[in-house]
N, C-alpha and C. Protein backbone atom coordinates (compact mmCIF):
# COMPACT_ATOMS: atom_id res chain seq x y z
N MET A 1 8.03 -5.41 3.55
CA MET A 1 6.73 -4.76 3.34
C MET A 1 6.93 -3.35 3.15
N LEU A 2 7.90 -2.70 3.80
CA LEU A 2 7.98 -1.27 3.56
C LEU A 2 8.94 -0.80 2.51
N LYS A 3 9.59 -1.79 1.87
CA LYS A 3 10.68 -1.45 0.85
C LYS A 3 10.23 -0.35 -0.10
N HIS A 4 9.04 -0.23 -0.62
CA HIS A 4 8.60 0.74 -1.64
C HIS A 4 7.77 1.72 -1.04
N LEU A 5 7.74 1.94 0.22
CA LEU A 5 6.83 2.96 0.91
C LEU A 5 7.77 4.02 1.55
N LYS A 6 7.25 5.32 1.39
CA LYS A 6 7.78 6.49 2.06
C LYS A 6 7.25 6.66 3.37
N ARG A 7 5.94 6.46 3.43
CA ARG A 7 5.14 6.74 4.65
C ARG A 7 3.95 5.93 4.68
N VAL A 8 3.67 5.55 5.99
CA VAL A 8 2.43 4.70 6.27
C VAL A 8 1.76 5.46 7.51
N PHE A 9 0.50 5.83 7.37
CA PHE A 9 -0.26 6.45 8.42
C PHE A 9 -1.46 5.55 8.65
N VAL A 10 -1.66 5.20 9.96
CA VAL A 10 -2.69 4.28 10.32
C VAL A 10 -3.63 5.07 11.31
N GLN A 11 -4.86 5.04 11.07
CA GLN A 11 -5.85 5.63 12.09
C GLN A 11 -6.89 4.66 12.45
N PHE A 12 -7.18 4.54 13.72
CA PHE A 12 -8.32 3.55 14.05
C PHE A 12 -8.88 4.07 15.42
N THR A 13 -10.04 3.56 15.72
CA THR A 13 -10.74 3.76 17.01
C THR A 13 -10.48 2.48 17.81
N PRO A 14 -9.91 2.62 19.10
CA PRO A 14 -9.48 1.40 19.73
C PRO A 14 -10.65 0.37 20.00
N GLY A 15 -11.68 0.78 20.39
CA GLY A 15 -12.85 -0.25 20.71
C GLY A 15 -13.54 -0.82 19.50
N ASP A 16 -13.20 -0.40 18.30
CA ASP A 16 -13.96 -0.72 17.14
C ASP A 16 -13.45 -2.16 16.66
N PRO A 17 -14.41 -3.09 16.61
CA PRO A 17 -13.96 -4.55 16.18
C PRO A 17 -13.59 -4.47 14.74
N LYS A 18 -13.99 -3.55 13.92
CA LYS A 18 -13.63 -3.48 12.50
C LYS A 18 -12.28 -2.82 12.34
N ALA A 19 -11.59 -2.47 13.45
CA ALA A 19 -10.33 -1.78 13.26
C ALA A 19 -9.14 -2.76 13.48
N ALA A 20 -9.54 -4.09 13.65
CA ALA A 20 -8.53 -5.11 13.87
C ALA A 20 -7.38 -5.12 12.82
N SER A 21 -7.75 -5.04 11.58
CA SER A 21 -6.77 -5.15 10.52
C SER A 21 -5.91 -3.93 10.52
N ALA A 22 -6.45 -2.72 10.80
CA ALA A 22 -5.62 -1.49 10.94
C ALA A 22 -4.61 -1.59 12.07
N ARG A 23 -5.07 -2.15 13.20
CA ARG A 23 -4.21 -2.25 14.39
C ARG A 23 -3.17 -3.31 14.12
N GLU A 24 -3.41 -4.43 13.45
CA GLU A 24 -2.43 -5.43 13.17
C GLU A 24 -1.46 -4.94 12.16
N LEU A 25 -1.92 -4.15 11.15
CA LEU A 25 -1.01 -3.55 10.14
C LEU A 25 -0.10 -2.71 10.83
N LEU A 26 -0.47 -1.85 11.74
CA LEU A 26 0.43 -0.99 12.47
C LEU A 26 1.47 -1.78 13.25
N GLN A 27 1.01 -2.89 13.81
CA GLN A 27 1.98 -3.70 14.59
C GLN A 27 3.06 -4.32 13.60
N ARG A 28 2.55 -4.64 12.46
CA ARG A 28 3.48 -5.27 11.45
C ARG A 28 4.54 -4.32 10.93
N VAL A 29 4.10 -3.08 10.57
CA VAL A 29 4.91 -2.14 10.02
C VAL A 29 5.82 -1.42 11.10
N SER A 30 5.50 -1.56 12.33
CA SER A 30 6.32 -1.09 13.40
C SER A 30 7.35 -2.10 13.94
N SER A 31 7.34 -3.32 13.43
CA SER A 31 8.28 -4.33 13.86
C SER A 31 9.67 -3.96 13.43
N ASP A 32 10.63 -4.56 14.15
CA ASP A 32 12.09 -4.33 13.79
C ASP A 32 12.36 -4.86 12.41
N LYS A 33 11.81 -6.00 12.04
CA LYS A 33 12.13 -6.51 10.69
C LYS A 33 11.59 -5.58 9.66
N ALA A 34 10.42 -5.08 9.86
CA ALA A 34 9.91 -4.04 8.82
C ALA A 34 10.73 -2.82 8.73
N LYS A 35 11.09 -2.31 9.92
CA LYS A 35 11.78 -1.13 9.89
C LYS A 35 13.21 -1.24 9.29
N LYS A 36 13.83 -2.42 9.49
CA LYS A 36 15.14 -2.72 8.85
C LYS A 36 15.05 -2.85 7.34
N SER A 37 13.84 -3.18 6.81
CA SER A 37 13.71 -3.25 5.39
C SER A 37 13.71 -1.90 4.71
N ASN A 38 13.35 -0.85 5.43
CA ASN A 38 13.31 0.52 4.89
C ASN A 38 13.40 1.45 6.06
N PRO A 39 14.51 1.74 6.66
CA PRO A 39 14.56 2.59 7.72
C PRO A 39 14.17 4.10 7.45
N GLY A 40 13.99 4.48 6.18
CA GLY A 40 13.58 5.85 5.80
C GLY A 40 12.08 5.98 5.78
N CYS A 41 11.31 4.87 5.89
CA CYS A 41 9.81 4.96 5.80
C CYS A 41 9.38 5.46 7.21
N VAL A 42 8.60 6.45 7.12
CA VAL A 42 7.88 7.04 8.28
C VAL A 42 6.56 6.31 8.57
N VAL A 43 6.60 5.79 9.83
CA VAL A 43 5.32 5.16 10.25
C VAL A 43 4.66 6.03 11.35
N ALA A 44 3.51 6.42 11.08
CA ALA A 44 2.73 7.25 11.97
C ALA A 44 1.31 6.72 12.29
N PHE A 45 0.75 7.08 13.27
CA PHE A 45 -0.56 6.66 13.63
C PHE A 45 -1.39 7.65 14.46
N LYS A 46 -2.67 7.44 14.42
CA LYS A 46 -3.48 8.32 15.36
C LYS A 46 -4.61 7.32 15.83
N VAL A 47 -4.71 7.42 17.21
CA VAL A 47 -5.76 6.66 17.89
C VAL A 47 -6.94 7.63 18.06
N GLN A 48 -7.98 7.37 17.37
CA GLN A 48 -9.13 8.29 17.30
C GLN A 48 -10.09 7.82 18.36
N GLU A 49 -10.35 8.64 19.36
CA GLU A 49 -11.37 8.22 20.33
C GLU A 49 -12.71 8.29 19.80
N ALA A 50 -13.04 9.13 19.04
CA ALA A 50 -14.43 9.04 18.41
C ALA A 50 -14.39 9.56 16.98
N ALA A 51 -14.59 8.60 16.09
CA ALA A 51 -14.45 8.90 14.67
C ALA A 51 -15.63 9.78 14.09
N ALA A 52 -15.35 10.53 13.09
CA ALA A 52 -16.36 11.42 12.47
C ALA A 52 -17.39 10.60 11.86
N SER A 53 -17.14 9.49 11.13
CA SER A 53 -18.13 8.72 10.58
C SER A 53 -17.72 7.22 10.60
N ASN A 54 -18.55 6.34 10.59
CA ASN A 54 -18.14 4.95 10.63
C ASN A 54 -17.25 4.53 9.57
N ALA A 55 -17.45 5.09 8.40
CA ALA A 55 -16.50 4.74 7.19
C ALA A 55 -15.11 5.16 7.45
N GLU A 56 -14.95 6.12 8.24
CA GLU A 56 -13.56 6.71 8.43
C GLU A 56 -12.90 6.35 9.82
N ARG A 57 -13.47 5.34 10.45
CA ARG A 57 -12.85 4.93 11.79
C ARG A 57 -11.53 4.30 11.59
N ALA A 58 -11.37 3.41 10.68
CA ALA A 58 -10.14 2.75 10.50
C ALA A 58 -9.66 2.86 9.03
N TYR A 59 -8.50 3.36 8.85
CA TYR A 59 -7.88 3.41 7.49
C TYR A 59 -6.47 3.50 7.55
N VAL A 60 -5.77 3.31 6.37
CA VAL A 60 -4.39 3.42 6.29
C VAL A 60 -4.12 4.25 5.02
N ASP A 61 -3.25 5.32 5.18
CA ASP A 61 -2.79 6.08 4.10
C ASP A 61 -1.36 5.62 3.74
N LEU A 62 -1.16 5.24 2.51
CA LEU A 62 0.03 4.74 2.01
C LEU A 62 0.71 5.63 1.05
N THR A 63 1.94 6.06 1.25
CA THR A 63 2.72 6.91 0.20
C THR A 63 3.82 6.07 -0.27
N PHE A 64 3.87 5.79 -1.53
CA PHE A 64 4.89 4.94 -2.15
C PHE A 64 5.99 5.79 -2.57
N THR A 65 7.13 5.12 -2.82
CA THR A 65 8.41 5.90 -3.27
C THR A 65 8.21 6.60 -4.59
N ASP A 66 7.22 6.23 -5.41
CA ASP A 66 6.93 6.93 -6.63
C ASP A 66 5.90 8.06 -6.37
N ASN A 67 5.69 8.42 -5.24
CA ASN A 67 4.70 9.48 -4.74
C ASN A 67 3.24 9.20 -4.97
N ASP A 68 2.84 7.89 -5.35
CA ASP A 68 1.57 7.55 -5.44
C ASP A 68 1.03 7.37 -4.04
N THR A 69 -0.18 7.93 -3.82
CA THR A 69 -0.77 7.78 -2.47
C THR A 69 -2.07 7.03 -2.54
N ARG A 70 -2.33 6.27 -1.59
CA ARG A 70 -3.65 5.45 -1.55
C ARG A 70 -4.18 5.52 -0.17
N ARG A 71 -5.47 5.74 0.00
CA ARG A 71 -6.10 5.53 1.27
C ARG A 71 -6.89 4.26 1.16
N VAL A 72 -6.68 3.33 2.16
CA VAL A 72 -7.21 2.06 2.28
C VAL A 72 -8.16 2.00 3.46
N VAL A 73 -9.46 2.00 3.31
CA VAL A 73 -10.40 1.84 4.41
C VAL A 73 -10.35 0.37 4.77
N THR A 74 -9.99 0.11 6.02
CA THR A 74 -9.65 -1.27 6.42
C THR A 74 -10.87 -2.01 7.05
N ALA A 75 -11.87 -1.39 7.19
CA ALA A 75 -13.09 -1.94 8.00
C ALA A 75 -13.53 -3.32 7.46
N GLU A 76 -13.58 -3.57 6.17
CA GLU A 76 -14.05 -4.77 5.59
C GLU A 76 -12.90 -5.60 5.08
N LEU A 77 -11.63 -5.32 5.40
CA LEU A 77 -10.48 -5.96 4.86
C LEU A 77 -9.66 -6.65 6.04
N SER A 78 -9.05 -7.75 5.62
CA SER A 78 -8.12 -8.35 6.62
C SER A 78 -6.75 -7.62 6.40
N VAL A 79 -5.85 -7.89 7.36
CA VAL A 79 -4.53 -7.32 7.30
C VAL A 79 -3.77 -7.97 6.08
N ASP A 80 -4.10 -9.18 5.71
CA ASP A 80 -3.55 -9.84 4.62
C ASP A 80 -4.03 -9.15 3.25
N ASP A 81 -5.29 -8.72 3.25
CA ASP A 81 -5.85 -7.92 2.10
C ASP A 81 -4.97 -6.65 1.91
N VAL A 82 -4.77 -5.98 3.01
CA VAL A 82 -4.02 -4.70 2.97
C VAL A 82 -2.59 -4.96 2.48
N SER A 83 -1.98 -6.06 2.92
CA SER A 83 -0.65 -6.39 2.60
C SER A 83 -0.54 -6.73 1.06
N ARG A 84 -1.57 -7.37 0.61
CA ARG A 84 -1.59 -7.69 -0.87
C ARG A 84 -1.72 -6.40 -1.68
N ILE A 85 -2.39 -5.42 -1.22
CA ILE A 85 -2.45 -4.15 -1.94
C ILE A 85 -1.07 -3.51 -2.02
N ILE A 86 -0.32 -3.60 -0.91
CA ILE A 86 0.97 -3.01 -0.88
C ILE A 86 1.91 -3.77 -1.77
N GLN A 87 1.80 -5.15 -1.73
CA GLN A 87 2.68 -6.03 -2.54
C GLN A 87 2.35 -5.84 -4.02
N GLN A 88 1.15 -5.70 -4.39
CA GLN A 88 0.73 -5.45 -5.80
C GLN A 88 1.35 -4.23 -6.41
N LYS A 89 1.30 -3.19 -5.60
CA LYS A 89 1.84 -1.88 -6.05
C LYS A 89 3.37 -2.01 -6.12
N ALA A 90 3.97 -2.62 -5.14
CA ALA A 90 5.45 -2.89 -5.18
C ALA A 90 5.87 -3.68 -6.39
N GLY A 91 5.10 -4.66 -6.77
CA GLY A 91 5.44 -5.49 -7.94
C GLY A 91 5.25 -4.62 -9.21
N GLU A 92 4.23 -3.82 -9.22
CA GLU A 92 4.12 -2.87 -10.42
C GLU A 92 5.38 -1.89 -10.47
N MET A 93 5.85 -1.37 -9.36
CA MET A 93 6.94 -0.46 -9.38
C MET A 93 8.20 -1.22 -9.86
N GLU A 94 8.40 -2.46 -9.33
CA GLU A 94 9.58 -3.18 -9.79
C GLU A 94 9.59 -3.39 -11.20
N MET A 95 8.40 -3.86 -11.78
CA MET A 95 8.32 -4.16 -13.15
C MET A 95 8.57 -3.03 -14.02
N LYS A 96 8.03 -1.88 -13.63
CA LYS A 96 8.34 -0.59 -14.36
C LYS A 96 9.85 -0.32 -14.33
N GLY A 97 10.49 -0.56 -13.22
CA GLY A 97 11.94 -0.27 -13.10
C GLY A 97 12.77 -1.20 -14.01
N VAL A 98 12.32 -2.46 -14.03
CA VAL A 98 13.12 -3.39 -14.95
C VAL A 98 12.85 -2.99 -16.31
N MET A 99 11.61 -2.73 -16.69
CA MET A 99 11.28 -2.28 -18.08
C MET A 99 12.12 -1.04 -18.48
N LYS A 100 12.19 -0.16 -17.61
CA LYS A 100 13.00 1.09 -17.86
C LYS A 100 14.50 0.79 -18.01
N GLU A 101 14.99 -0.09 -17.14
CA GLU A 101 16.39 -0.56 -17.28
C GLU A 101 16.72 -1.12 -18.71
N VAL A 102 15.84 -1.93 -19.17
CA VAL A 102 16.07 -2.53 -20.45
C VAL A 102 15.71 -1.73 -21.63
N GLY A 103 15.09 -0.49 -21.32
CA GLY A 103 14.74 0.43 -22.41
C GLY A 103 13.47 0.10 -23.07
N HIS A 104 12.53 -0.66 -22.41
CA HIS A 104 11.28 -1.02 -23.03
C HIS A 104 10.21 -0.11 -22.48
N ASP A 105 9.42 0.52 -23.27
CA ASP A 105 8.30 1.22 -22.88
C ASP A 105 7.08 0.62 -23.49
N PRO A 106 6.28 -0.14 -22.83
CA PRO A 106 5.14 -0.80 -23.50
C PRO A 106 3.98 0.12 -23.85
N TRP A 107 4.07 1.36 -23.45
CA TRP A 107 3.03 2.29 -23.85
C TRP A 107 3.41 3.02 -25.21
N ARG A 108 4.66 2.78 -25.66
CA ARG A 108 4.95 3.42 -26.95
C ARG A 108 4.25 2.59 -28.00
N ILE A 109 3.79 3.13 -29.09
CA ILE A 109 3.00 2.44 -30.12
C ILE A 109 3.84 1.43 -30.83
N GLU A 110 5.14 1.63 -31.09
CA GLU A 110 5.97 0.64 -31.80
C GLU A 110 6.22 -0.58 -30.85
N ASN A 111 5.97 -0.43 -29.56
CA ASN A 111 6.26 -1.67 -28.65
C ASN A 111 4.96 -2.44 -28.37
N ARG A 112 3.90 -1.99 -28.86
CA ARG A 112 2.58 -2.60 -28.48
C ARG A 112 2.47 -3.93 -29.41
N LEU A 113 1.84 -4.95 -28.78
CA LEU A 113 1.53 -6.15 -29.61
C LEU A 113 0.48 -5.87 -30.54
N PRO A 114 0.52 -6.45 -31.72
CA PRO A 114 -0.62 -6.30 -32.67
C PRO A 114 -1.91 -6.91 -32.15
N PRO A 115 -2.99 -6.38 -32.53
CA PRO A 115 -4.30 -6.93 -32.06
C PRO A 115 -4.44 -8.31 -32.61
N SER A 116 -4.93 -9.14 -31.79
CA SER A 116 -5.23 -10.55 -32.20
C SER A 116 -6.37 -10.61 -33.19
N SER A 117 -6.20 -11.48 -34.07
CA SER A 117 -7.29 -11.65 -35.13
C SER A 117 -8.15 -12.76 -34.63
N SER A 118 -9.45 -12.52 -34.83
CA SER A 118 -10.54 -13.52 -34.51
C SER A 118 -10.75 -14.38 -35.64
N ALA A 119 -10.80 -15.68 -35.43
CA ALA A 119 -11.10 -16.59 -36.55
C ALA A 119 -12.43 -17.14 -36.55
């Protein structure tokens, strides 16, 4: 889970029922197995006694190894939803790495597929 992450920051209010996914994600990324997958990833958290607004009570800030950062407000998401966001970005990074290794840049004009013709 942490393989492509530099930093994970989790914030939540303890009594907030909508913070369950943030708390569970913190538990997952703090596990020994997760830490072994990327010992260099910094996992930090803040338990907010009183949040500034309802929308900001529970969130996760993710910093990926390509320096892309994403804030994921977790109130309406399950921990599996947040994990899928991480996995999707990791898959994109791996694909870009493979394409770079083989010298293929799909954004170069000569590498683009021709437009399909409608019949």
